[in-house]
Amino acid sequence: MERPRAVLLLSHGLGEHAGRYAAVARDLAPRGIEVHALDHRGHGRSRGIRGHTARFGKLVDDFDRFAAGVMERAPRDVPVFLLAHSLGGLIGIRWLETRPRAELCGAILSAPLLGIAKQAARWKTALSGFLSKALPWIPIPNEVDPAELSSDSAYTRSYREDPLVHDKISPRLYTEMVGAMRDAFAEKDRISLPLLFVVPGADTIVREEATLRFAESLRGDVTVRRYPGFHHESLNELDRARPIADLLGWMEERIGGGMAPGGEGREGGRPRPEGE
């Protein structure tokens, strides 16, 4: 791609890695959208214990350094967007709240981790606080069945067979996630740029109600797209063409409409439901 029309920063979810978004990058490339992604620490090809961090802020710091490097290399007049999914969505939200960047024109949040629908075994929940201090790094299965990610059996098979995917979460990451979710709601008013929420209706991992409550509480240019019957990974569902088209249309409105960095020209009002 010689000169992109837009740059997209990508933040992936728990257990997966940036390479799982190759299909999304291929969909966006013909429209001149250049995708950049990193593997979060403890994921994919990055260093660290699988599914572990000592502090949630380290994940946000990593992403901030990654984003700064990408934006420094991008042409100054090219709009920059964020696409963040699940755990990556929570990282993205905390990044937007604590490290605002004037260069950013908007963010797409796919099933952001703002509430946990997947209930861990009671003993894990009961011991999480103790283990977070005593054995913070110990790997524990995250209990996510790949079949809960998408109704596309070919996709779930590729997920199971991917050597860079893991099913681990440490006690410290769990307690840090819970704290980050609380902080995300407490500091939501710090977010002022355009947002698109991608909300799957049959998500058994992230609570749909929490995402909708968060979106409804925000001011400014907030769009919500709901997909009844979709599993957790809307962009990898059998009917993935629909959310991809919505994502592209939303970005095109802001690229073609001359949306200035920092969100100047945002529309006011409540979140717009699907179809508007």
C-alpha atoms as a PDB file:
ATOM      1  CA  MET A   1       0.000   0.000   0.000  1.00  0.00           C
ATOM      2  CA  GLU A   2       1.692   3.200  -1.212  1.00  0.00           C
ATOM      3  CA  ARG A   3      -0.214   5.817   0.770  1.00  0.00           C
ATOM      4  CA  PRO A   4      -3.086   4.732   3.040  1.00  0.00           C
ATOM      5  CA  ARG A   5      -6.363   6.598   3.278  1.00  0.00           C
ATOM      6  CA  ALA A   6      -6.506   5.628   6.959  1.00  0.00           C
ATOM      7  CA  VAL A   7      -4.497   3.715   9.550  1.00  0.00           C
ATOM      8  CA  LEU A   8      -6.084   1.208  11.930  1.00  0.00           C
ATOM      9  CA  LEU A   9      -4.482   0.196  15.243  1.00  0.00           C
ATOM     10  CA  LEU A  10      -5.581  -3.258  16.389  1.00  0.00           C
ATOM     11  CA  SER A  11      -5.829  -4.626  19.946  1.00  0.00           C
ATOM     12  CA  HIS A  12      -6.635  -8.366  20.157  1.00  0.00           C
ATOM     13  CA  GLY A  13      -8.398 -10.415  22.819  1.00  0.00           C
ATOM     14  CA  LEU A  14      -7.380 -12.870  25.532  1.00  0.00           C
ATOM     15  CA  GLY A  15      -5.584 -16.011  24.371  1.00  0.00           C
ATOM     16  CA  GLU A  16      -5.360 -15.027  20.720  1.00  0.00           C
ATOM     17  CA  HIS A  17      -2.847 -12.926  18.787  1.00  0.00           C
ATOM     18  CA  ALA A  18      -2.632 -10.285  16.079  1.00  0.00           C
ATOM     19  CA  GLY A  19      -2.315 -12.865  13.304  1.00  0.00           C
ATOM     20  CA  ARG A  20      -5.922 -13.951  13.904  1.00  0.00           C
ATOM     21  CA  TYR A  21      -6.995 -10.675  12.233  1.00  0.00           C
ATOM     22  CA  ALA A  22      -5.372 -11.335   8.851  1.00  0.00           C
ATOM     23  CA  ALA A  23      -8.804 -11.712   7.219  1.00  0.00           C
ATOM     24  CA  VAL A  24      -9.916  -8.344   8.616  1.00  0.00           C
ATOM     25  CA  ALA A  25      -6.747  -6.709   7.260  1.00  0.00           C
ATOM     26  CA  ARG A  26      -7.395  -8.256   3.832  1.00  0.00           C
ATOM     27  CA  ASP A  27     -10.956  -6.900   3.864  1.00  0.00           C
ATOM     28  CA  LEU A  28      -9.803  -3.372   4.675  1.00  0.00           C
ATOM     29  CA  ALA A  29      -6.750  -3.152   2.421  1.00  0.00           C
ATOM     30  CA  PRO A  30      -8.690  -2.641  -0.846  1.00  0.00           C
ATOM     31  CA  ARG A  31     -10.321   0.423   0.740  1.00  0.00           C
ATOM     32  CA  GLY A  32      -6.909   1.900   1.479  1.00  0.00           C
ATOM     33  CA  ILE A  33      -6.993   1.154   5.215  1.00  0.00           C
ATOM     34  CA  GLU A  34      -3.636   0.048   6.592  1.00  0.00           C
ATOM     35  CA  VAL A  35      -3.807  -2.254   9.642  1.00  0.00           C
ATOM     36  CA  HIS A  36      -1.119  -2.354  12.341  1.00  0.00           C
ATOM     37  CA  ALA A  37      -1.258  -4.786  15.284  1.00  0.00           C
ATOM     38  CA  LEU A  38       0.843  -6.068  18.150  1.00  0.00           C
ATOM     39  CA  ASP A  39       0.762  -9.199  20.251  1.00  0.00           C
ATOM     40  CA  HIS A  40       0.023  -8.186  23.851  1.00  0.00           C
ATOM     41  CA  ARG A  41       2.542  -9.396  26.413  1.00  0.00           C
ATOM     42  CA  GLY A  42       1.952 -13.038  27.292  1.00  0.00           C
ATOM     43  CA  HIS A  43       0.313 -13.622  23.903  1.00  0.00           C
ATOM     44  CA  GLY A  44       1.327 -14.766  20.444  1.00  0.00           C
ATOM     45  CA  ARG A  45       4.982 -14.076  19.700  1.00  0.00           C
ATOM     46  CA  SER A  46       5.458 -11.618  22.573  1.00  0.00           C
ATOM     47  CA  ARG A  47       7.468 -12.451  25.650  1.00  0.00           C
ATOM     48  CA  GLY A  48       6.079 -13.164  29.059  1.00  0.00           C
ATOM     49  CA  ILE A  49       4.117 -15.839  30.880  1.00  0.00           C
ATOM     50  CA  ARG A  50       1.062 -16.818  28.861  1.00  0.00           C
ATOM     51  CA  GLY A  51      -2.030 -14.903  29.954  1.00  0.00           C
ATOM     52  CA  HIS A  52      -0.260 -12.933  32.672  1.00  0.00           C
ATOM     53  CA  THR A  53       0.669  -9.379  33.567  1.00  0.00           C
ATOM     54  CA  ALA A  54       1.744  -7.955  36.907  1.00  0.00           C
ATOM     55  CA  ARG A  55      -0.328  -4.813  36.327  1.00  0.00           C
ATOM     56  CA  PHE A  56      -3.044  -3.975  33.809  1.00  0.00           C
ATOM     57  CA  GLY A  57      -1.370  -0.650  33.183  1.00  0.00           C
ATOM     58  CA  LYS A  58       1.568  -2.481  31.619  1.00  0.00           C
ATOM     59  CA  LEU A  59      -0.707  -3.723  28.832  1.00  0.00           C
ATOM     60  CA  VAL A  60      -1.910  -0.158  28.294  1.00  0.00           C
ATOM     61  CA  ASP A  61       1.678   1.154  28.343  1.00  0.00           C
ATOM     62  CA  ASP A  62       2.704  -1.442  25.751  1.00  0.00           C
ATOM     63  CA  PHE A  63      -0.144  -0.446  23.482  1.00  0.00           C
ATOM     64  CA  ASP A  64       0.630   3.242  23.905  1.00  0.00           C
ATOM     65  CA  ARG A  65       4.241   2.714  22.825  1.00  0.00           C
ATOM     66  CA  PHE A  66       3.105   0.627  19.868  1.00  0.00           C
ATOM     67  CA  ALA A  67       0.527   3.233  18.817  1.00  0.00           C
ATOM     68  CA  ALA A  68       2.996   6.096  19.185  1.00  0.00           C
ATOM     69  CA  GLY A  69       5.439   4.338  16.878  1.00  0.00           C
ATOM     70  CA  VAL A  70       2.797   3.706  14.222  1.00  0.00           C
ATOM     71  CA  MET A  71       1.448   7.258  14.367  1.00  0.00           C
ATOM     72  CA  GLU A  72       4.928   8.728  14.189  1.00  0.00           C
ATOM     73  CA  ARG A  73       5.555   6.909  10.896  1.00  0.00           C
ATOM     74  CA  ALA A  74       2.123   7.598   9.378  1.00  0.00           C
ATOM     75  CA  PRO A  75       1.563  10.700   7.213  1.00  0.00           C
ATOM     76  CA  ARG A  76       0.291  13.485   9.444  1.00  0.00           C
ATOM     77  CA  ASP A  77      -2.883  14.068   7.424  1.00  0.00           C
ATOM     78  CA  VAL A  78      -3.980  10.398   7.411  1.00  0.00           C
ATOM     79  CA  PRO A  79      -6.763   9.609   9.924  1.00  0.00           C
ATOM     80  CA  VAL A  80      -5.986   7.001  12.585  1.00  0.00           C
ATOM     81  CA  PHE A  81      -8.569   4.651  14.124  1.00  0.00           C
ATOM     82  CA  LEU A  82      -8.577   1.961  16.809  1.00  0.00           C
ATOM     83  CA  LEU A  83     -10.135  -1.510  16.503  1.00  0.00           C
ATOM     84  CA  ALA A  84     -10.152  -3.325  19.839  1.00  0.00           C
ATOM     85  CA  HIS A  85     -11.770  -6.655  20.728  1.00  0.00           C
ATOM     86  CA  SER A  86     -12.740  -8.223  24.081  1.00  0.00           C
ATOM     87  CA  LEU A  87      -9.768  -7.983  26.492  1.00  0.00           C
ATOM     88  CA  GLY A  88      -8.156  -5.821  23.837  1.00  0.00           C
ATOM     89  CA  GLY A  89     -11.280  -3.669  23.998  1.00  0.00           C
ATOM     90  CA  LEU A  90     -10.766  -3.105  27.711  1.00  0.00           C
ATOM     91  CA  ILE A  91      -7.112  -2.273  27.040  1.00  0.00           C
ATOM     92  CA  GLY A  92      -8.262   0.119  24.331  1.00  0.00           C
ATOM     93  CA  ILE A  93     -10.817   1.807  26.582  1.00  0.00           C
ATOM     94  CA  ARG A  94      -8.292   2.332  29.352  1.00  0.00           C
ATOM     95  CA  TRP A  95      -5.852   3.667  26.750  1.00  0.00           C
ATOM     96  CA  LEU A  96      -8.448   6.160  25.513  1.00  0.00           C
ATOM     97  CA  GLU A  97      -9.254   7.202  29.073  1.00  0.00           C
ATOM     98  CA  THR A  98      -5.723   7.575  30.428  1.00  0.00           C
ATOM     99  CA  ARG A  99      -3.578   8.390  27.392  1.00  0.00           C
ATOM    100  CA  PRO A 100      -5.720  10.451  24.997  1.00  0.00           C
ATOM    101  CA  ARG A 101      -4.084  11.196  21.645  1.00  0.00           C
ATOM    102  CA  ALA A 102      -5.160  14.069  19.438  1.00  0.00           C
ATOM    103  CA  GLU A 103      -4.184  12.077  16.329  1.00  0.00           C
ATOM    104  CA  LEU A 104      -6.925   9.495  16.911  1.00  0.00           C
ATOM    105  CA  CYS A 105     -10.130  10.004  14.894  1.00  0.00           C
ATOM    106  CA  GLY A 106     -12.311   7.210  16.280  1.00  0.00           C
ATOM    107  CA  ALA A 107     -12.458   3.785  17.908  1.00  0.00           C
ATOM    108  CA  ILE A 108     -14.297   0.558  17.101  1.00  0.00           C
ATOM    109  CA  LEU A 109     -14.946  -1.577  20.175  1.00  0.00           C
ATOM    110  CA  SER A 110     -15.917  -5.185  19.439  1.00  0.00           C
ATOM    111  CA  ALA A 111     -17.481  -6.960  22.435  1.00  0.00           C
ATOM    112  CA  PRO A 112     -15.239  -4.987  24.827  1.00  0.00           C
ATOM    113  CA  LEU A 113     -14.605  -6.686  28.158  1.00  0.00           C
ATOM    114  CA  LEU A 114     -16.749  -4.515  30.422  1.00  0.00           C
ATOM    115  CA  GLY A 115     -18.569  -7.378  32.136  1.00  0.00           C
ATOM    116  CA  ILE A 116     -17.826 -11.095  32.335  1.00  0.00           C
ATOM    117  CA  ALA A 117     -20.571 -13.455  31.177  1.00  0.00           C
ATOM    118  CA  LYS A 118     -18.420 -16.591  31.369  1.00  0.00           C
ATOM    119  CA  GLN A 119     -18.582 -17.738  34.994  1.00  0.00           C
ATOM    120  CA  ALA A 120     -15.428 -19.365  36.328  1.00  0.00           C
ATOM    121  CA  ALA A 121     -15.550 -22.242  38.776  1.00  0.00           C
ATOM    122  CA  ARG A 122     -16.453 -20.974  42.251  1.00  0.00           C
ATOM    123  CA  TRP A 123     -13.162 -22.079  43.751  1.00  0.00           C
ATOM    124  CA  LYS A 124     -11.287 -19.985  41.193  1.00  0.00           C
ATOM    125  CA  THR A 125     -13.304 -16.883  41.974  1.00  0.00           C
ATOM    126  CA  ALA A 126     -13.044 -17.443  45.725  1.00  0.00           C
ATOM    127  CA  LEU A 127      -9.276 -17.899  45.610  1.00  0.00           C
ATOM    128  CA  SER A 128      -8.513 -15.278  42.971  1.00  0.00           C
ATOM    129  CA  GLY A 129      -7.605 -12.557  45.479  1.00  0.00           C
ATOM    130  CA  PHE A 130      -5.349 -14.838  47.500  1.00  0.00           C
ATOM    131  CA  LEU A 131      -3.664 -16.377  44.446  1.00  0.00           C
ATOM    132  CA  SER A 132      -3.198 -12.949  42.876  1.00  0.00           C
ATOM    133  CA  LYS A 133      -0.893 -12.111  45.773  1.00  0.00           C
ATOM    134  CA  ALA A 134       0.593 -15.516  46.630  1.00  0.00           C
ATOM    135  CA  LEU A 135       0.979 -17.071  43.150  1.00  0.00           C
ATOM    136  CA  PRO A 136       0.116 -14.255  40.754  1.00  0.00           C
ATOM    137  CA  TRP A 137       1.689 -15.879  37.693  1.00  0.00           C
ATOM    138  CA  ILE A 138       0.315 -19.435  37.956  1.00  0.00           C
ATOM    139  CA  PRO A 139      -1.450 -20.388  34.688  1.00  0.00           C
ATOM    140  CA  ILE A 140      -5.106 -21.396  35.042  1.00  0.00           C
ATOM    141  CA  PRO A 141      -7.404 -22.480  32.176  1.00  0.00           C
ATOM    142  CA  ASN A 142      -9.681 -19.613  31.143  1.00  0.00           C
ATOM    143  CA  GLU A 143     -12.566 -22.052  30.441  1.00  0.00           C
ATOM    144  CA  VAL A 144     -13.392 -20.476  27.076  1.00  0.00           C
ATOM    145  CA  ASP A 145     -14.563 -23.066  24.560  1.00  0.00           C
ATOM    146  CA  PRO A 146     -13.518 -22.045  21.000  1.00  0.00           C
ATOM    147  CA  ALA A 147     -17.032 -23.014  19.870  1.00  0.00           C
ATOM    148  CA  GLU A 148     -18.272 -19.987  21.865  1.00  0.00           C
ATOM    149  CA  LEU A 149     -16.231 -17.638  19.693  1.00  0.00           C
ATOM    150  CA  SER A 150     -17.947 -18.191  16.353  1.00  0.00           C
ATOM    151  CA  SER A 151     -20.579 -20.379  14.719  1.00  0.00           C
ATOM    152  CA  ASP A 152     -18.156 -20.918  11.828  1.00  0.00           C
ATOM    153  CA  SER A 153     -16.758 -24.413  12.430  1.00  0.00           C
ATOM    154  CA  ALA A 154     -13.830 -23.806  10.073  1.00  0.00           C
ATOM    155  CA  TYR A 155     -12.815 -20.767  12.098  1.00  0.00           C
ATOM    156  CA  THR A 156     -13.095 -22.529  15.450  1.00  0.00           C
ATOM    157  CA  ARG A 157     -11.076 -25.448  14.072  1.00  0.00           C
ATOM    158  CA  SER A 158      -8.319 -23.078  12.962  1.00  0.00           C
ATOM    159  CA  TYR A 159      -8.395 -21.502  16.427  1.00  0.00           C
ATOM    160  CA  ARG A 160      -7.959 -24.871  18.136  1.00  0.00           C
ATOM    161  CA  GLU A 161      -5.078 -25.785  15.833  1.00  0.00           C
ATOM    162  CA  ASP A 162      -3.249 -22.452  16.048  1.00  0.00           C
ATOM    163  CA  PRO A 163       0.014 -23.023  17.996  1.00  0.00           C
ATOM    164  CA  LEU A 164       0.158 -19.364  19.033  1.00  0.00           C
ATOM    165  CA  VAL A 165      -3.257 -19.463  20.731  1.00  0.00           C
ATOM    166  CA  HIS A 166      -3.404 -20.318  24.445  1.00  0.00           C
ATOM    167  CA  ASP A 167      -6.203 -20.920  26.973  1.00  0.00           C
ATOM    168  CA  LYS A 168      -4.504 -19.481  30.064  1.00  0.00           C
ATOM    169  CA  ILE A 169      -5.148 -16.625  32.460  1.00  0.00           C
ATOM    170  CA  SER A 170      -3.224 -15.899  35.634  1.00  0.00           C
ATOM    171  CA  PRO A 171      -4.863 -14.923  38.949  1.00  0.00           C
ATOM    172  CA  ARG A 172      -3.192 -11.513  38.742  1.00  0.00           C
ATOM    173  CA  LEU A 173      -4.490 -10.812  35.239  1.00  0.00           C
ATOM    174  CA  TYR A 174      -7.982 -11.795  36.384  1.00  0.00           C
ATOM    175  CA  THR A 175      -7.998  -9.431  39.372  1.00  0.00           C
ATOM    176  CA  GLU A 176      -6.377  -6.694  37.294  1.00  0.00           C
ATOM    177  CA  MET A 177      -9.100  -7.106  34.654  1.00  0.00           C
ATOM    178  CA  VAL A 178     -11.828  -6.763  37.278  1.00  0.00           C
ATOM    179  CA  GLY A 179     -10.202  -3.568  38.545  1.00  0.00           C
ATOM    180  CA  ALA A 180      -9.773  -2.213  35.009  1.00  0.00           C
ATOM    181  CA  MET A 181     -13.463  -2.801  34.247  1.00  0.00           C
ATOM    182  CA  ARG A 182     -14.402  -0.837  37.350  1.00  0.00           C
ATOM    183  CA  ASP A 183     -12.019   1.973  36.361  1.00  0.00           C
ATOM    184  CA  ALA A 184     -13.355   2.009  32.798  1.00  0.00           C
ATOM    185  CA  PHE A 185     -16.857   2.862  34.016  1.00  0.00           C
ATOM    186  CA  ALA A 186     -15.576   5.351  36.585  1.00  0.00           C
ATOM    187  CA  GLU A 187     -13.532   7.326  34.039  1.00  0.00           C
ATOM    188  CA  LYS A 188     -15.727   6.954  30.941  1.00  0.00           C
ATOM    189  CA  ASP A 189     -16.287  10.718  30.661  1.00  0.00           C
ATOM    190  CA  ARG A 190     -12.649  11.089  29.620  1.00  0.00           C
ATOM    191  CA  ILE A 191     -13.497   9.569  26.240  1.00  0.00           C
ATOM    192  CA  SER A 192     -14.574  12.215  23.736  1.00  0.00           C
ATOM    193  CA  LEU A 193     -13.883  10.780  20.276  1.00  0.00           C
ATOM    194  CA  PRO A 194     -16.332   8.966  17.932  1.00  0.00           C
ATOM    195  CA  LEU A 195     -17.061   5.369  18.943  1.00  0.00           C
ATOM    196  CA  LEU A 196     -18.589   2.361  17.209  1.00  0.00           C
ATOM    197  CA  PHE A 197     -19.690  -0.546  19.417  1.00  0.00           C
ATOM    198  CA  VAL A 198     -19.966  -3.976  17.771  1.00  0.00           C
ATOM    199  CA  VAL A 199     -22.276  -6.015  20.023  1.00  0.00           C
ATOM    200  CA  PRO A 200     -22.934  -9.729  19.355  1.00  0.00           C
ATOM    201  CA  GLY A 201     -26.298 -10.878  20.668  1.00  0.00           C
ATOM    202  CA  ALA A 202     -25.363 -14.459  21.596  1.00  0.00           C
ATOM    203  CA  ASP A 203     -22.120 -13.677  23.409  1.00  0.00           C
ATOM    204  CA  THR A 204     -21.466 -16.089  26.297  1.00  0.00           C
ATOM    205  CA  ILE A 205     -18.082 -14.567  27.195  1.00  0.00           C
ATOM    206  CA  VAL A 206     -18.692 -10.818  27.539  1.00  0.00           C
ATOM    207  CA  ARG A 207     -21.911  -9.399  28.991  1.00  0.00           C
ATOM    208  CA  GLU A 208     -23.897  -7.630  26.287  1.00  0.00           C
ATOM    209  CA  GLU A 209     -25.763  -5.620  28.944  1.00  0.00           C
ATOM    210  CA  ALA A 210     -22.526  -4.135  30.295  1.00  0.00           C
ATOM    211  CA  THR A 211     -21.426  -2.989  26.841  1.00  0.00           C
ATOM    212  CA  LEU A 212     -24.805  -1.391  26.139  1.00  0.00           C
ATOM    213  CA  ARG A 213     -24.862   0.309  29.533  1.00  0.00           C
ATOM    214  CA  PHE A 214     -21.387   1.736  28.934  1.00  0.00           C
ATOM    215  CA  ALA A 215     -22.292   2.972  25.438  1.00  0.00           C
ATOM    216  CA  GLU A 216     -25.580   4.483  26.636  1.00  0.00           C
ATOM    217  CA  SER A 217     -23.782   6.466  29.329  1.00  0.00           C
ATOM    218  CA  LEU A 218     -21.406   8.187  26.902  1.00  0.00           C
ATOM    219  CA  ARG A 219     -21.874  11.549  25.250  1.00  0.00           C
ATOM    220  CA  GLY A 220     -21.142  12.621  21.699  1.00  0.00           C
ATOM    221  CA  ASP A 221     -20.810  10.546  18.535  1.00  0.00           C
ATOM    222  CA  VAL A 222     -21.597   7.012  19.727  1.00  0.00           C
ATOM    223  CA  THR A 223     -22.944   4.339  17.367  1.00  0.00           C
ATOM    224  CA  VAL A 224     -24.105   0.892  18.475  1.00  0.00           C
ATOM    225  CA  ARG A 225     -24.445  -2.011  16.050  1.00  0.00           C
ATOM    226  CA  ARG A 226     -26.116  -5.126  17.467  1.00  0.00           C
ATOM    227  CA  TYR A 227     -25.976  -8.542  15.780  1.00  0.00           C
ATOM    228  CA  PRO A 228     -28.616 -10.962  17.137  1.00  0.00           C
ATOM    229  CA  GLY A 229     -27.428 -14.566  17.157  1.00  0.00           C
ATOM    230  CA  PHE A 230     -23.764 -13.674  16.690  1.00  0.00           C
ATOM    231  CA  HIS A 231     -21.158 -15.298  18.932  1.00  0.00           C
ATOM    232  CA  HIS A 232     -18.331 -13.432  20.680  1.00  0.00           C
ATOM    233  CA  GLU A 233     -16.194 -12.728  17.599  1.00  0.00           C
ATOM    234  CA  SER A 234     -18.574 -10.884  15.276  1.00  0.00           C
ATOM    235  CA  LEU A 235     -15.809 -10.236  12.742  1.00  0.00           C
ATOM    236  CA  ASN A 236     -15.244 -13.994  12.428  1.00  0.00           C
ATOM    237  CA  GLU A 237     -18.851 -15.126  12.229  1.00  0.00           C
ATOM    238  CA  LEU A 238     -20.421 -16.901   9.238  1.00  0.00           C
ATOM    239  CA  ASP A 239     -22.109 -13.624   8.291  1.00  0.00           C
ATOM    240  CA  ARG A 240     -18.964 -11.593   9.003  1.00  0.00           C
ATOM    241  CA  ALA A 241     -19.527  -9.556   5.841  1.00  0.00           C
ATOM    242  CA  ARG A 242     -22.259  -7.599   7.640  1.00  0.00           C
ATOM    243  CA  PRO A 243     -20.194  -6.229  10.565  1.00  0.00           C
ATOM    244  CA  ILE A 244     -17.232  -5.695   8.227  1.00  0.00           C
ATOM    245  CA  ALA A 245     -19.448  -3.598   5.955  1.00  0.00           C
ATOM    246  CA  ASP A 246     -20.775  -1.645   8.960  1.00  0.00           C
ATOM    247  CA  LEU A 247     -17.245  -1.055  10.214  1.00  0.00           C
ATOM    248  CA  LEU A 248     -16.098   0.141   6.784  1.00  0.00           C
ATOM    249  CA  GLY A 249     -19.137   2.367   6.345  1.00  0.00           C
ATOM    250  CA  TRP A 250     -18.590   3.958   9.753  1.00  0.00           C
ATOM    251  CA  MET A 251     -14.933   4.650   8.981  1.00  0.00           C
ATOM    252  CA  GLU A 252     -15.732   5.938   5.479  1.00  0.00           C
ATOM    253  CA  GLU A 253     -18.142   8.499   6.944  1.00  0.00           C
ATOM    254  CA  ARG A 254     -15.323   9.883   9.034  1.00  0.00           C
ATOM    255  CA  ILE A 255     -12.627   9.628   6.383  1.00  0.00           C
ATOM    256  CA  GLY A 256     -14.719  11.095   3.577  1.00  0.00           C
ATOM    257  CA  GLY A 257     -16.478  13.576   5.835  1.00  0.00           C
ATOM    258  CA  GLY A 258     -13.250  15.329   6.720  1.00  0.00           C
ATOM    259  CA  MET A 259     -13.350  14.335  10.359  1.00  0.00           C
ATOM    260  CA  ALA A 260     -10.464  16.160  11.981  1.00  0.00           C
ATOM    261  CA  PRO A 261      -8.114  14.412  14.416  1.00  0.00           C
ATOM    262  CA  GLY A 262      -9.370  14.610  17.961  1.00  0.00           C
ATOM    263  CA  GLY A 263     -13.007  14.270  16.904  1.00  0.00           C
ATOM    264  CA  GLU A 264     -13.833  17.825  15.722  1.00  0.00           C
ATOM    265  CA  GLY A 265     -17.168  17.820  13.965  1.00  0.00           C
ATOM    266  CA  ARG A 266     -18.628  15.029  16.077  1.00  0.00           C
ATOM    267  CA  GLU A 267     -22.363  14.612  16.141  1.00  0.00           C
ATOM    268  CA  GLY A 268     -24.120  14.990  19.458  1.00  0.00           C
ATOM    269  CA  GLY A 269     -26.911  12.896  20.914  1.00  0.00           C
ATOM    270  CA  ARG A 270     -27.518   9.414  22.249  1.00  0.00           C
ATOM    271  CA  PRO A 271     -26.000   6.236  20.831  1.00  0.00           C
ATOM    272  CA  ARG A 272     -27.493   5.482  17.439  1.00  0.00           C
ATOM    273  CA  PRO A 273     -29.003   1.989  17.139  1.00  0.00           C
ATOM    274  CA  GLU A 274     -28.320  -0.363  14.258  1.00  0.00           C
ATOM    275  CA  GLY A 275     -29.683   0.689  10.906  1.00  0.00           C
ATOM    276  CA  GLU A 276     -29.290   4.427  11.350  1.00  0.00           C
END
